[in-house]
Amino acid sequence: MRGDRVSGAGPAQGAVTVQAAAALVGALCAIYLVSQFLRNSVGVIAPNLAAELNLSPEQLGILSSAFFLSFAVAQVPLGAMIDRYGPRLCMIASVGLAVAGCGLFAVADTLTELTAARVLMGLGCSSFFMGPLTIYTRWFAADRFSTLTGLQLGIGTMGTLFATAPLAMSAEAFGWRATFVFVGVGAAVIGVLVALVVRDHPPGAAEDCHQPASLAESFAGLGEVVRVKGFWRLFAIQFAGYSTFVAVLGLWGGPFATDILGFDLKERGNILFAMAAAHIVGLFVWGPTDRWFGQRRLPVTLGVFGTAAIFAALCLVGDRGPVTAYVLFMLLGFVAAFTPVQTAHGRALFDQRLVGRGITLLNVATIGGVFVTQAITGAIIGAFPATESALGPVRPFVAYQAAFGFLALMILLAWLVYWPAPDPKIRRGGEG
């Protein structure tokens, strides 16, 4: 930094004032809070939803994953829209769908209505991560991208914290339906904030030098994206890296805590809160590791093997009591937070012309992976018969062992595909 300016400009601008950068990042992180809350909001109330609407594990898996399916499907047209109309307009246009989804979820009485609400939420939140990342490529130097991604994820993932203990407390005090009304109002307010504060380019910057492509050309350009060397290898690790973690935090961590540890709503919220807090700390720690190591592949590899090891530990000793569960859940939250580095690796594959479509198409893997993972783990857990208890049907520990074992195997297989991917040299202050 020099004075009140941020050095290391992006491809289209000079220095950016600290105040402008802080306002921009603050607003973009705030909108991402909404996405993180909504995507993970089923986990802590899953036993309540199952009891109230008589939902099976398979149905819970479908309900939670519906958000991620619609989110993933939206990424392909979203990438073209971002390149054509700009990320700010895309975020403003989509926030209304998220608000509508919250309203429908609050009044839903059937699985179909709840699932439709989750679909609307997913569509509404589909631009809240890729939009900010595209803006960062325009405001800041490329060697800051991983750190900014970590900042975006770290601050934005505080929305996940609100989907744990605070959601549990609000559901207990006001009911989960009223809670989603509150969330919808908050999302609308943040949408207004983004409209007022965020701009696609920094003050005084020249617009992109290339002529915007037509929508038809933008969609055709997706073929160019998938032919970039290393794309499919990054697609594999994006598919597994985030989804294996969210399968626990966003869905099965709550039922596991109830079925295996006997936790009630408040206790479920607390253990998931601890896991989410550890994840946020991890995002800030992992964010700059590409610059520490001078490469992206090594920190991603450390994160993958650490994540797989913790899943193995959950299989072996996850039923040993609350202390063990807390330690393993928090370790999983921290170690699985290598997402900024794998995202930066994917971004490094694309030039400025393709970056919007490139990172958005990779996000199809990230979010689509959650849809597939949650659906499969729901089928795995549902394959084991439940026993009746005072709290309702309880799944045995072996059901969760099978699910956690599947998640460990999945991320290791994805790493085998990822490892040979090209890792462009990190150059300070420029592309790569």
Protein backbone atom coordinates (compact mmCIF):
# COMPACT_ATOMS: atom_id res chain seq x y z
CA MET A 1 0.00 0.00 0.00
CA ARG A 2 1.04 3.60 -0.60
CA GLY A 3 -0.82 6.13 1.48
CA ASP A 4 -4.52 5.50 1.10
CA ARG A 5 -4.17 3.51 -2.12
CA VAL A 6 -3.96 -0.19 -2.84
CA SER A 7 -1.06 -1.02 -5.14
CA GLY A 8 -1.06 -3.86 -7.63
CA ALA A 9 -3.69 -2.90 -10.12
CA GLY A 10 -5.69 -5.29 -12.21
CA PRO A 11 -5.48 -5.35 -15.95
CA ALA A 12 -7.59 -2.26 -16.54
CA GLN A 13 -6.82 0.24 -13.81
CA GLY A 14 -4.34 2.15 -11.72
CA ALA A 15 -4.23 2.22 -7.93
CA VAL A 16 -7.47 1.82 -5.97
CA THR A 17 -8.18 3.70 -2.77
CA VAL A 18 -8.40 1.68 0.41
CA GLN A 19 -11.85 3.11 1.08
CA ALA A 20 -13.17 2.09 -2.32
CA ALA A 21 -11.64 -1.37 -2.04
CA ALA A 22 -13.04 -1.88 1.48
CA ALA A 23 -16.54 -0.79 0.45
CA LEU A 24 -16.45 -3.06 -2.58
CA VAL A 25 -15.19 -6.13 -0.74
CA GLY A 26 -17.59 -5.51 2.16
CA ALA A 27 -20.65 -5.38 -0.09
CA LEU A 28 -19.57 -8.42 -2.11
CA CYS A 29 -18.91 -10.45 1.03
CA ALA A 30 -22.29 -9.40 2.44
CA ILE A 31 -24.18 -10.76 -0.57
CA TYR A 32 -22.20 -13.99 -0.31
CA LEU A 33 -23.33 -14.32 3.32
CA VAL A 34 -26.85 -14.90 1.98
CA SER A 35 -25.72 -17.70 -0.33
CA GLN A 36 -23.70 -19.44 2.37
CA PHE A 37 -26.58 -19.31 4.84
CA LEU A 38 -29.19 -20.62 2.44
CA ARG A 39 -27.10 -23.44 0.98
CA ASN A 40 -26.28 -24.81 4.46
CA SER A 41 -29.57 -24.03 6.21
CA VAL A 42 -31.04 -27.54 6.02
CA GLY A 43 -28.41 -29.29 8.15
CA VAL A 44 -29.27 -28.00 11.61
CA ILE A 45 -33.06 -28.21 11.11
CA ALA A 46 -33.01 -31.47 9.11
CA PRO A 47 -34.30 -33.61 12.02
CA ASN A 48 -37.09 -31.07 12.60
CA LEU A 49 -38.08 -31.09 8.93
CA ALA A 50 -37.94 -34.90 8.87
CA ALA A 51 -40.18 -35.15 11.93
CA GLU A 52 -42.67 -32.47 10.84
CA LEU A 53 -43.02 -33.63 7.22
CA ASN A 54 -42.06 -37.31 7.67
CA LEU A 55 -39.04 -37.09 5.36
CA SER A 56 -36.64 -39.99 4.76
CA PRO A 57 -32.85 -39.56 4.42
CA GLU A 58 -33.21 -39.85 0.65
CA GLN A 59 -35.81 -37.07 0.65
CA LEU A 60 -33.66 -34.87 2.88
CA GLY A 61 -30.80 -35.41 0.46
CA ILE A 62 -32.97 -34.35 -2.47
CA LEU A 63 -34.34 -31.34 -0.57
CA SER A 64 -30.93 -30.02 0.42
CA SER A 65 -29.29 -30.79 -2.92
CA ALA A 66 -32.06 -29.05 -4.95
CA PHE A 67 -30.39 -25.74 -4.11
CA PHE A 68 -27.12 -26.97 -5.58
CA LEU A 69 -28.70 -28.46 -8.69
CA SER A 70 -30.41 -25.21 -9.71
CA PHE A 71 -27.30 -23.25 -8.70
CA ALA A 72 -25.11 -25.46 -10.90
CA VAL A 73 -27.48 -25.39 -13.89
CA ALA A 74 -27.52 -21.60 -13.71
CA GLN A 75 -23.73 -21.35 -13.96
CA VAL A 76 -23.51 -21.98 -17.71
CA PRO A 77 -25.84 -19.14 -18.77
CA LEU A 78 -24.53 -17.04 -15.87
CA GLY A 79 -20.97 -17.11 -17.19
CA ALA A 80 -22.17 -15.80 -20.55
CA MET A 81 -24.36 -13.19 -18.84
CA ILE A 82 -21.46 -11.97 -16.67
CA ASP A 83 -19.23 -11.55 -19.70
CA ARG A 84 -22.01 -9.81 -21.63
CA TYR A 85 -23.80 -7.63 -19.05
CA GLY A 86 -21.38 -7.48 -16.12
CA PRO A 87 -21.42 -9.16 -12.70
CA ARG A 88 -23.11 -6.29 -10.84
CA LEU A 89 -26.27 -6.38 -12.94
CA CYS A 90 -26.38 -10.19 -12.70
CA MET A 91 -26.27 -10.06 -8.90
CA ILE A 92 -28.96 -7.39 -8.69
CA ALA A 93 -31.23 -9.32 -11.05
CA SER A 94 -30.89 -12.62 -9.19
CA VAL A 95 -31.34 -11.48 -5.59
CA GLY A 96 -35.12 -11.25 -6.05
CA LEU A 97 -35.27 -14.99 -6.74
CA ALA A 98 -33.46 -15.70 -3.48
CA VAL A 99 -35.94 -13.54 -1.58
CA ALA A 100 -38.86 -15.34 -3.24
CA GLY A 101 -37.33 -18.69 -2.32
CA CYS A 102 -37.12 -17.68 1.33
CA GLY A 103 -40.77 -16.65 1.28
CA LEU A 104 -41.93 -19.90 -0.31
CA PHE A 105 -39.85 -21.99 2.10
CA ALA A 106 -41.46 -20.18 5.02
CA VAL A 107 -45.00 -21.16 3.96
CA ALA A 108 -44.32 -24.56 2.37
CA ASP A 109 -46.29 -27.57 3.68
CA THR A 110 -45.04 -30.32 1.36
CA LEU A 111 -41.75 -31.71 0.15
CA THR A 112 -42.55 -30.45 -3.34
CA GLU A 113 -43.05 -26.89 -2.12
CA LEU A 114 -39.91 -26.99 0.01
CA THR A 115 -37.91 -28.33 -2.92
CA ALA A 116 -39.28 -25.62 -5.24
CA ALA A 117 -38.23 -23.03 -2.67
CA ARG A 118 -34.72 -24.48 -2.56
CA VAL A 119 -34.57 -24.35 -6.37
CA LEU A 120 -35.47 -20.63 -6.28
CA MET A 121 -32.84 -20.02 -3.60
CA GLY A 122 -30.20 -21.75 -5.71
CA LEU A 123 -31.07 -19.73 -8.81
CA GLY A 124 -31.11 -16.53 -6.79
CA CYS A 125 -27.72 -17.15 -5.20
CA SER A 126 -26.05 -18.42 -8.36
CA SER A 127 -24.18 -15.17 -9.05
CA PHE A 128 -23.11 -14.33 -5.50
CA PHE A 129 -19.69 -16.01 -5.74
CA MET A 130 -18.74 -15.89 -9.42
CA GLY A 131 -19.87 -12.25 -9.69
CA PRO A 132 -17.50 -11.08 -6.94
CA LEU A 133 -14.61 -13.17 -8.28
CA THR A 134 -15.02 -11.64 -11.72
CA ILE A 135 -15.03 -8.16 -10.20
CA TYR A 136 -11.84 -8.95 -8.27
CA THR A 137 -10.08 -9.83 -11.53
CA ARG A 138 -10.94 -6.33 -12.77
CA TRP A 139 -10.05 -4.40 -9.63
CA PHE A 140 -6.93 -6.15 -8.34
CA ALA A 141 -3.70 -7.77 -9.51
CA ALA A 142 -3.77 -11.47 -10.39
CA ASP A 143 -1.33 -12.47 -7.63
CA ARG A 144 -3.92 -11.24 -5.08
CA PHE A 145 -6.70 -13.41 -6.46
CA SER A 146 -6.21 -16.38 -4.13
CA THR A 147 -6.02 -14.11 -1.09
CA LEU A 148 -9.14 -12.22 -2.17
CA THR A 149 -10.92 -15.50 -2.82
CA GLY A 150 -9.99 -16.58 0.71
CA LEU A 151 -11.27 -13.26 2.05
CA GLN A 152 -14.52 -13.61 0.09
CA LEU A 153 -15.01 -17.16 1.33
CA GLY A 154 -13.82 -16.41 4.87
CA ILE A 155 -16.09 -13.41 5.50
CA GLY A 156 -18.93 -14.71 3.37
CA THR A 157 -18.85 -18.08 5.08
CA MET A 158 -19.91 -16.35 8.27
CA GLY A 159 -23.31 -16.92 6.71
CA THR A 160 -22.65 -20.59 7.40
CA LEU A 161 -22.17 -19.69 11.07
CA PHE A 162 -25.65 -18.16 11.07
CA ALA A 163 -26.95 -21.46 9.63
CA THR A 164 -25.74 -23.34 12.73
CA ALA A 165 -26.28 -22.26 16.35
CA PRO A 166 -28.02 -18.93 15.51
CA LEU A 167 -30.46 -20.71 13.18
CA ALA A 168 -31.08 -23.32 15.85
CA MET A 169 -31.79 -20.62 18.45
CA SER A 170 -34.06 -18.68 16.10
CA ALA A 171 -35.92 -21.85 15.09
CA GLU A 172 -36.39 -22.72 18.74
CA ALA A 173 -37.59 -19.19 19.65
CA PHE A 174 -39.63 -18.20 16.58
CA GLY A 175 -39.91 -21.36 14.48
CA TRP A 176 -37.99 -22.12 11.31
CA ARG A 177 -40.73 -20.61 9.13
CA ALA A 178 -40.53 -17.15 10.70
CA THR A 179 -36.75 -17.37 10.58
CA PHE A 180 -36.81 -17.69 6.80
CA VAL A 181 -39.03 -14.62 6.55
CA PHE A 182 -36.36 -12.69 8.46
CA VAL A 183 -33.67 -14.03 6.14
CA GLY A 184 -35.63 -12.98 3.05
CA VAL A 185 -35.91 -9.41 4.35
CA GLY A 186 -32.19 -9.34 5.11
CA ALA A 187 -31.35 -10.60 1.61
CA ALA A 188 -33.42 -7.81 0.05
CA VAL A 189 -31.61 -5.17 2.11
CA ILE A 190 -28.20 -6.54 1.09
CA GLY A 191 -29.29 -6.55 -2.55
CA VAL A 192 -29.98 -2.82 -2.29
CA LEU A 193 -26.52 -2.34 -0.73
CA VAL A 194 -24.87 -4.09 -3.69
CA ALA A 195 -26.78 -1.90 -6.14
CA LEU A 196 -25.58 1.24 -4.36
CA VAL A 197 -21.93 0.30 -3.71
CA VAL A 198 -20.65 -2.19 -6.27
CA ARG A 199 -19.29 -1.28 -9.70
CA ASP A 200 -17.89 -3.65 -12.31
CA HIS A 201 -14.75 -1.51 -12.77
CA PRO A 202 -12.83 0.75 -10.38
CA PRO A 203 -13.33 4.54 -10.56
CA GLY A 204 -11.61 6.05 -13.57
CA ALA A 205 -10.77 2.70 -15.13
CA ALA A 206 -11.07 2.01 -18.81
CA GLU A 207 -13.74 -0.48 -19.77
CA ASP A 208 -12.68 -3.86 -21.17
CA CYS A 209 -10.79 -3.26 -24.40
CA HIS A 210 -12.47 -6.14 -26.23
CA GLN A 211 -15.93 -5.79 -27.75
CA PRO A 212 -18.51 -7.71 -25.67
CA ALA A 213 -19.53 -10.92 -27.38
CA SER A 214 -23.11 -11.59 -28.31
CA LEU A 215 -24.95 -14.16 -26.17
CA ALA A 216 -24.63 -16.70 -28.97
CA GLU A 217 -20.87 -16.06 -29.15
CA SER A 218 -20.61 -16.26 -25.36
CA PHE A 219 -22.27 -19.66 -25.28
CA ALA A 220 -20.13 -20.82 -28.20
CA GLY A 221 -17.09 -19.67 -26.23
CA LEU A 222 -17.82 -22.31 -23.59
CA GLY A 223 -16.40 -24.83 -26.02
CA GLU A 224 -13.17 -22.85 -26.02
CA VAL A 225 -13.14 -22.90 -22.21
CA VAL A 226 -13.43 -26.68 -21.92
CA ARG A 227 -10.57 -27.11 -24.40
CA VAL A 228 -8.16 -25.13 -22.22
CA LYS A 229 -5.37 -27.44 -21.08
CA GLY A 230 -6.03 -28.68 -17.56
CA PHE A 231 -9.70 -27.66 -17.45
CA TRP A 232 -11.10 -31.15 -16.86
CA ARG A 233 -8.44 -31.93 -14.25
CA LEU A 234 -9.46 -28.84 -12.29
CA PHE A 235 -13.09 -29.76 -12.89
CA ALA A 236 -12.49 -33.03 -11.02
CA ILE A 237 -11.01 -31.47 -7.87
CA GLN A 238 -13.62 -28.68 -7.92
CA PHE A 239 -16.29 -31.40 -8.04
CA ALA A 240 -15.00 -33.16 -4.92
CA GLY A 241 -13.06 -30.61 -2.86
CA TYR A 242 -15.97 -28.54 -1.58
CA SER A 243 -18.81 -31.03 -1.88
CA THR A 244 -17.31 -33.59 0.51
CA PHE A 245 -17.09 -30.97 3.26
CA VAL A 246 -20.57 -29.51 2.65
CA ALA A 247 -22.07 -33.00 2.75
CA VAL A 248 -21.27 -32.93 6.48
CA LEU A 249 -21.75 -29.27 7.39
CA GLY A 250 -24.76 -28.59 5.20
CA LEU A 251 -26.68 -31.84 5.59
CA TRP A 252 -25.47 -34.90 7.51
CA GLY A 253 -23.62 -33.29 10.41
CA GLY A 254 -26.91 -32.49 12.15
CA PRO A 255 -28.51 -35.93 11.77
CA PHE A 256 -25.18 -37.56 12.76
CA ALA A 257 -25.08 -35.47 15.93
CA THR A 258 -28.63 -36.54 16.80
CA ASP A 259 -28.46 -40.21 15.78
CA ILE A 260 -24.98 -41.03 17.11
CA LEU A 261 -24.37 -38.46 19.86
CA GLY A 262 -27.96 -37.87 21.02
CA PHE A 263 -27.76 -34.09 20.51
CA ASP A 264 -30.86 -31.88 20.53
CA LEU A 265 -31.46 -28.86 18.28
CA LYS A 266 -29.30 -26.47 20.32
CA GLU A 267 -26.45 -28.97 20.68
CA ARG A 268 -26.55 -29.70 16.94
CA GLY A 269 -26.25 -26.00 16.26
CA ASN A 270 -23.28 -25.69 18.59
CA ILE A 271 -21.17 -28.46 17.05
CA LEU A 272 -21.89 -27.24 13.51
CA PHE A 273 -21.08 -23.70 14.63
CA ALA A 274 -17.68 -24.89 15.87
CA MET A 275 -17.08 -26.66 12.56
CA ALA A 276 -18.06 -23.60 10.51
CA ALA A 277 -15.90 -21.30 12.68
CA ALA A 278 -12.89 -23.56 12.14
CA HIS A 279 -13.62 -23.48 8.41
CA ILE A 280 -13.61 -19.69 8.36
CA VAL A 281 -10.25 -19.59 10.14
CA GLY A 282 -8.97 -22.14 7.66
CA LEU A 283 -10.08 -20.07 4.67
CA PHE A 284 -7.98 -17.13 5.85
CA VAL A 285 -5.00 -19.42 6.50
CA TRP A 286 -5.23 -21.35 3.23
CA GLY A 287 -5.89 -18.26 1.06
CA PRO A 288 -2.26 -17.07 0.67
CA THR A 289 -0.62 -20.52 0.70
CA ASP A 290 -0.15 -20.49 -3.07
CA ARG A 291 2.23 -17.55 -2.62
CA TRP A 292 3.91 -19.16 0.39
CA PHE A 293 4.66 -22.34 -1.55
CA GLY A 294 5.14 -20.62 -4.89
CA GLN A 295 2.61 -23.01 -6.44
CA ARG A 296 -1.01 -24.13 -6.06
CA ARG A 297 -0.78 -27.89 -6.53
CA LEU A 298 1.04 -28.65 -3.26
CA PRO A 299 -1.35 -26.86 -0.86
CA VAL A 300 -4.32 -28.43 -2.66
CA THR A 301 -2.71 -31.85 -2.22
CA LEU A 302 -2.14 -31.25 1.50
CA GLY A 303 -5.79 -30.25 1.86
CA VAL A 304 -7.05 -33.29 -0.01
CA PHE A 305 -5.07 -35.83 1.99
CA GLY A 306 -5.86 -34.09 5.27
CA THR A 307 -9.57 -34.14 4.46
CA ALA A 308 -9.49 -37.83 3.53
CA ALA A 309 -7.62 -38.67 6.75
CA ILE A 310 -10.25 -36.93 8.89
CA PHE A 311 -13.06 -38.77 7.13
CA ALA A 312 -11.19 -41.99 7.89
CA ALA A 313 -10.94 -40.96 11.55
CA LEU A 314 -14.69 -40.25 11.63
CA CYS A 315 -15.28 -43.77 10.33
CA LEU A 316 -13.07 -45.27 13.04
CA VAL A 317 -13.78 -43.20 16.16
CA GLY A 318 -16.63 -40.83 15.28
CA ASP A 319 -18.91 -42.53 17.80
CA ARG A 320 -16.53 -42.15 20.76
CA GLY A 321 -18.41 -39.23 22.29
CA PRO A 322 -18.92 -35.46 22.02
CA VAL A 323 -15.28 -34.44 22.61
CA THR A 324 -13.97 -36.66 19.81
CA ALA A 325 -16.75 -35.52 17.49
CA TYR A 326 -16.06 -31.84 18.21
CA VAL A 327 -12.34 -32.27 17.53
CA LEU A 328 -12.88 -34.15 14.28
CA PHE A 329 -15.60 -31.80 13.02
CA MET A 330 -13.43 -28.76 13.72
CA LEU A 331 -10.39 -30.36 12.08
CA LEU A 332 -12.48 -31.19 9.04
CA GLY A 333 -13.71 -27.60 8.87
CA PHE A 334 -10.16 -26.23 8.98
CA VAL A 335 -8.41 -28.69 6.68
CA ALA A 336 -11.14 -28.71 4.03
CA ALA A 337 -10.81 -24.92 3.65
CA PHE A 338 -8.28 -25.18 0.81
CA THR A 339 -11.00 -24.05 -1.62
CA PRO A 340 -9.38 -20.63 -2.35
CA VAL A 341 -6.23 -22.29 -3.67
CA GLN A 342 -8.02 -24.71 -5.98
CA THR A 343 -10.20 -21.85 -7.19
CA ALA A 344 -7.11 -19.72 -7.88
CA HIS A 345 -5.56 -22.66 -9.74
CA GLY A 346 -8.62 -22.84 -11.97
CA ARG A 347 -8.62 -19.07 -12.55
CA ALA A 348 -4.95 -19.17 -13.57
CA LEU A 349 -5.79 -21.36 -16.57
CA PHE A 350 -7.76 -18.59 -18.34
CA ASP A 351 -6.88 -15.29 -19.95
CA GLN A 352 -8.90 -12.18 -19.17
CA ARG A 353 -11.22 -12.75 -22.13
CA LEU A 354 -12.35 -16.17 -20.86
CA VAL A 355 -12.03 -15.72 -17.10
CA GLY A 356 -15.73 -15.04 -16.46
CA ARG A 357 -16.90 -18.11 -18.34
CA GLY A 358 -13.95 -20.17 -17.13
CA ILE A 359 -14.32 -19.78 -13.39
CA THR A 360 -18.11 -19.90 -13.68
CA LEU A 361 -18.00 -23.19 -15.59
CA LEU A 362 -15.63 -24.61 -12.98
CA ASN A 363 -18.18 -23.55 -10.39
CA VAL A 364 -20.62 -25.92 -12.11
CA ALA A 365 -18.34 -28.68 -10.83
CA THR A 366 -18.13 -27.16 -7.34
CA ILE A 367 -21.86 -26.80 -6.86
CA GLY A 368 -22.93 -29.71 -9.04
CA GLY A 369 -20.62 -31.87 -6.95
CA VAL A 370 -22.61 -30.94 -3.85
CA PHE A 371 -25.87 -31.95 -5.54
CA VAL A 372 -24.47 -35.34 -6.55
CA THR A 373 -22.69 -35.94 -3.25
CA GLN A 374 -25.68 -35.12 -1.08
CA ALA A 375 -28.00 -37.26 -3.20
CA ILE A 376 -25.61 -40.24 -3.12
CA THR A 377 -24.89 -39.99 0.61
CA GLY A 378 -28.63 -39.74 1.24
CA ALA A 379 -29.11 -43.01 -0.62
CA ILE A 380 -26.21 -44.60 1.27
CA ILE A 381 -27.50 -43.61 4.70
CA GLY A 382 -31.09 -44.46 3.76
CA ALA A 383 -30.01 -47.98 2.76
CA PHE A 384 -29.46 -48.85 6.44
CA PRO A 385 -32.64 -49.50 8.43
CA ALA A 386 -33.47 -47.12 11.25
CA THR A 387 -34.46 -48.07 14.78
CA GLU A 388 -37.17 -46.26 16.69
CA SER A 389 -36.29 -44.12 19.70
CA ALA A 390 -37.89 -41.39 21.81
CA LEU A 391 -36.44 -38.87 19.33
CA GLY A 392 -37.80 -40.70 16.29
CA PRO A 393 -36.04 -42.98 13.77
CA VAL A 394 -32.30 -43.30 14.39
CA ARG A 395 -29.80 -44.47 11.77
CA PRO A 396 -26.91 -46.70 12.96
CA PHE A 397 -23.27 -45.60 13.05
CA VAL A 398 -22.44 -47.97 10.21
CA ALA A 399 -24.67 -45.87 7.91
CA TYR A 400 -22.53 -42.80 8.57
CA GLN A 401 -19.34 -44.85 8.32
CA ALA A 402 -20.37 -45.89 4.82
CA ALA A 403 -21.13 -42.28 3.86
CA PHE A 404 -17.88 -40.89 5.31
CA GLY A 405 -15.89 -43.66 3.66
CA PHE A 406 -17.47 -42.81 0.33
CA LEU A 407 -16.53 -39.14 0.77
CA ALA A 408 -12.89 -40.03 1.55
CA LEU A 409 -12.65 -42.24 -1.52
CA MET A 410 -14.31 -39.63 -3.71
CA ILE A 411 -11.86 -36.84 -2.89
CA LEU A 412 -8.83 -39.12 -3.31
CA LEU A 413 -10.00 -40.27 -6.74
CA ALA A 414 -10.55 -36.66 -7.76
CA TRP A 415 -6.99 -35.82 -6.66
CA LEU A 416 -5.60 -38.56 -8.91
CA VAL A 417 -7.25 -36.83 -11.87
CA TYR A 418 -6.17 -33.37 -10.71
CA TRP A 419 -2.49 -33.97 -9.92
CA PRO A 420 -1.08 -33.76 -13.51
CA ALA A 421 -2.85 -30.43 -14.19
CA PRO A 422 -0.61 -27.58 -15.38
CA ASP A 423 0.13 -25.04 -12.64
CA PRO A 424 0.97 -21.67 -14.24
CA LYS A 425 3.76 -19.77 -12.53
CA ILE A 426 2.64 -17.22 -9.95
CA ARG A 427 3.87 -13.78 -10.96
CA ARG A 428 3.44 -10.89 -8.56
CA GLY A 429 1.42 -7.98 -9.85
CA GLY A 430 0.38 -9.65 -13.07
CA GLU A 431 -1.37 -12.55 -14.62
CA GLY A 432 -0.75 -16.20 -13.79
